[in-house]
N, C-alpha and C. Protein backbone atom coordinates (compact mmCIF):
# COMPACT_ATOMS: atom_id res chain seq x y z
N MET A 1 0.84 -1.19 0.00
CA MET A 1 0.00 0.00 0.00
C MET A 1 0.89 1.25 0.00
N ARG A 2 0.61 2.14 -0.89
CA ARG A 2 1.41 3.37 -1.01
C ARG A 2 0.88 4.44 -0.09
N SER A 3 1.78 5.25 0.40
CA SER A 3 1.40 6.37 1.26
C SER A 3 0.82 7.49 0.40
N THR A 4 -0.22 8.14 0.90
CA THR A 4 -0.82 9.25 0.16
C THR A 4 -0.24 10.59 0.59
N ILE A 5 0.69 10.55 1.52
CA ILE A 5 1.32 11.79 1.98
C ILE A 5 2.48 12.12 1.06
N SER A 6 2.51 13.34 0.57
CA SER A 6 3.58 13.73 -0.33
C SER A 6 4.88 13.91 0.46
N PRO A 7 6.03 13.75 -0.20
CA PRO A 7 7.31 13.92 0.50
C PRO A 7 7.47 15.30 1.12
N GLY A 8 6.95 16.32 0.48
CA GLY A 8 7.04 17.66 1.04
C GLY A 8 6.25 17.81 2.32
N ALA A 9 5.12 17.13 2.40
CA ALA A 9 4.30 17.21 3.62
C ALA A 9 4.99 16.54 4.79
N SER A 10 5.69 15.44 4.52
CA SER A 10 6.38 14.77 5.62
C SER A 10 7.55 15.61 6.12
N LEU A 11 8.15 16.40 5.26
CA LEU A 11 9.24 17.27 5.70
C LEU A 11 8.72 18.48 6.48
N ASP A 12 7.48 18.86 6.24
CA ASP A 12 6.90 20.00 6.93
C ASP A 12 6.29 19.61 8.28
N ALA A 13 6.16 18.34 8.54
CA ALA A 13 5.52 17.88 9.78
C ALA A 13 6.23 18.38 11.04
N PRO A 14 7.56 18.35 11.13
CA PRO A 14 8.19 18.85 12.36
C PRO A 14 7.89 20.32 12.65
N ALA A 15 7.77 21.12 11.62
CA ALA A 15 7.42 22.52 11.84
C ALA A 15 6.00 22.66 12.37
N ALA A 16 5.09 21.83 11.87
CA ALA A 16 3.70 21.90 12.31
C ALA A 16 3.52 21.36 13.73
N VAL A 17 4.39 20.47 14.17
CA VAL A 17 4.31 19.92 15.52
C VAL A 17 4.57 21.01 16.57
N ALA A 18 5.32 22.02 16.21
CA ALA A 18 5.61 23.09 17.15
C ALA A 18 4.36 23.89 17.53
N GLY A 19 3.35 23.89 16.68
CA GLY A 19 2.14 24.66 16.94
C GLY A 19 1.44 24.33 18.25
N PRO A 20 1.07 23.06 18.46
CA PRO A 20 0.40 22.73 19.73
C PRO A 20 1.29 22.92 20.96
N ILE A 21 2.59 22.72 20.79
CA ILE A 21 3.51 22.93 21.92
C ILE A 21 3.51 24.39 22.32
N ILE A 22 3.60 25.27 21.34
CA ILE A 22 3.55 26.71 21.63
C ILE A 22 2.18 27.09 22.17
N GLY A 23 1.12 26.46 21.63
CA GLY A 23 -0.23 26.71 22.14
C GLY A 23 -0.36 26.33 23.61
N LEU A 24 0.21 25.20 24.01
CA LEU A 24 0.16 24.79 25.42
C LEU A 24 0.95 25.75 26.30
N LEU A 25 2.11 26.17 25.83
CA LEU A 25 2.89 27.13 26.61
C LEU A 25 2.13 28.44 26.79
N TRP A 26 1.48 28.89 25.71
CA TRP A 26 0.69 30.12 25.77
C TRP A 26 -0.47 29.96 26.75
N LEU A 27 -1.10 28.79 26.73
CA LEU A 27 -2.21 28.50 27.63
C LEU A 27 -1.76 28.56 29.09
N ILE A 28 -0.59 28.02 29.37
CA ILE A 28 -0.06 28.03 30.74
C ILE A 28 0.27 29.46 31.18
N VAL A 29 0.90 30.22 30.30
CA VAL A 29 1.32 31.58 30.66
C VAL A 29 0.13 32.53 30.74
N ASP A 30 -0.76 32.47 29.75
CA ASP A 30 -1.85 33.44 29.67
C ASP A 30 -3.12 32.97 30.38
N GLY A 31 -3.29 31.66 30.51
CA GLY A 31 -4.48 31.14 31.18
C GLY A 31 -5.75 31.26 30.36
N GLY A 32 -5.63 31.23 29.04
CA GLY A 32 -6.80 31.34 28.17
C GLY A 32 -7.57 30.03 28.10
N GLY A 33 -8.59 30.01 27.30
CA GLY A 33 -9.44 28.84 27.15
C GLY A 33 -9.07 28.02 25.92
N PHE A 34 -9.96 27.09 25.59
CA PHE A 34 -9.73 26.17 24.48
C PHE A 34 -9.66 26.92 23.15
N ALA A 35 -10.51 27.90 22.94
CA ALA A 35 -10.50 28.65 21.68
C ALA A 35 -9.17 29.38 21.50
N GLU A 36 -8.65 29.92 22.57
CA GLU A 36 -7.36 30.61 22.48
C GLU A 36 -6.24 29.61 22.19
N PHE A 37 -6.30 28.42 22.78
CA PHE A 37 -5.32 27.38 22.51
C PHE A 37 -5.33 27.00 21.03
N VAL A 38 -6.52 26.81 20.47
CA VAL A 38 -6.63 26.44 19.05
C VAL A 38 -6.10 27.56 18.17
N ALA A 39 -6.47 28.79 18.47
CA ALA A 39 -6.02 29.92 17.66
C ALA A 39 -4.50 30.07 17.69
N VAL A 40 -3.91 29.98 18.86
CA VAL A 40 -2.46 30.13 18.97
C VAL A 40 -1.74 28.95 18.32
N SER A 41 -2.29 27.74 18.47
CA SER A 41 -1.68 26.56 17.85
C SER A 41 -1.67 26.68 16.33
N VAL A 42 -2.79 27.08 15.76
CA VAL A 42 -2.87 27.22 14.30
C VAL A 42 -1.95 28.34 13.83
N LEU A 43 -1.95 29.45 14.52
CA LEU A 43 -1.08 30.56 14.13
C LEU A 43 0.40 30.18 14.22
N ALA A 44 0.77 29.48 15.27
CA ALA A 44 2.17 29.07 15.42
C ALA A 44 2.57 28.06 14.36
N ALA A 45 1.69 27.10 14.06
CA ALA A 45 2.00 26.10 13.03
C ALA A 45 2.14 26.74 11.66
N VAL A 46 1.23 27.64 11.33
CA VAL A 46 1.30 28.32 10.03
C VAL A 46 2.56 29.18 9.95
N THR A 47 2.90 29.86 11.03
CA THR A 47 4.11 30.69 11.04
C THR A 47 5.36 29.83 10.89
N ALA A 48 5.41 28.67 11.55
CA ALA A 48 6.56 27.78 11.42
C ALA A 48 6.68 27.24 10.00
N LEU A 49 5.57 26.87 9.39
CA LEU A 49 5.60 26.41 8.00
C LEU A 49 6.03 27.52 7.05
N TRP A 50 5.52 28.72 7.29
CA TRP A 50 5.89 29.87 6.45
C TRP A 50 7.38 30.18 6.60
N TRP A 51 7.86 30.14 7.84
CA TRP A 51 9.27 30.46 8.11
C TRP A 51 10.19 29.46 7.40
N SER A 52 9.82 28.16 7.45
CA SER A 52 10.65 27.17 6.76
C SER A 52 10.55 27.32 5.24
N ALA A 53 9.41 27.78 4.74
CA ALA A 53 9.25 27.97 3.30
C ALA A 53 10.10 29.13 2.79
N ILE A 54 10.14 30.24 3.53
CA ILE A 54 10.94 31.36 3.07
C ILE A 54 12.42 31.13 3.30
N GLY A 55 12.73 30.22 4.23
CA GLY A 55 14.13 29.89 4.50
C GLY A 55 14.74 29.07 3.38
N GLY A 56 13.92 28.31 2.69
CA GLY A 56 14.39 27.49 1.58
C GLY A 56 15.08 26.23 2.08
N SER A 57 15.60 25.47 1.15
CA SER A 57 16.23 24.21 1.49
C SER A 57 17.74 24.28 1.49
N ASP A 58 18.32 25.41 1.16
CA ASP A 58 19.76 25.56 1.13
C ASP A 58 20.25 25.88 2.54
N PRO A 59 20.98 24.98 3.19
CA PRO A 59 21.40 25.21 4.56
C PRO A 59 22.53 26.21 4.73
N SER A 60 23.12 26.67 3.64
CA SER A 60 24.26 27.58 3.78
C SER A 60 23.87 29.00 3.92
């Protein structure tokens, strides 16, 4: 059975994992509710993906 996940998506997964971690930290510091956790998690994940996209794949 072949995977339906594209190679680019699997490389972006570590950046997206940072979203909920940052959301939990924000929840602890700010004491917000579930909606705030979801909003911060999505914003952090999108920002991490965007940051890796503009950084490119050239490590030098």
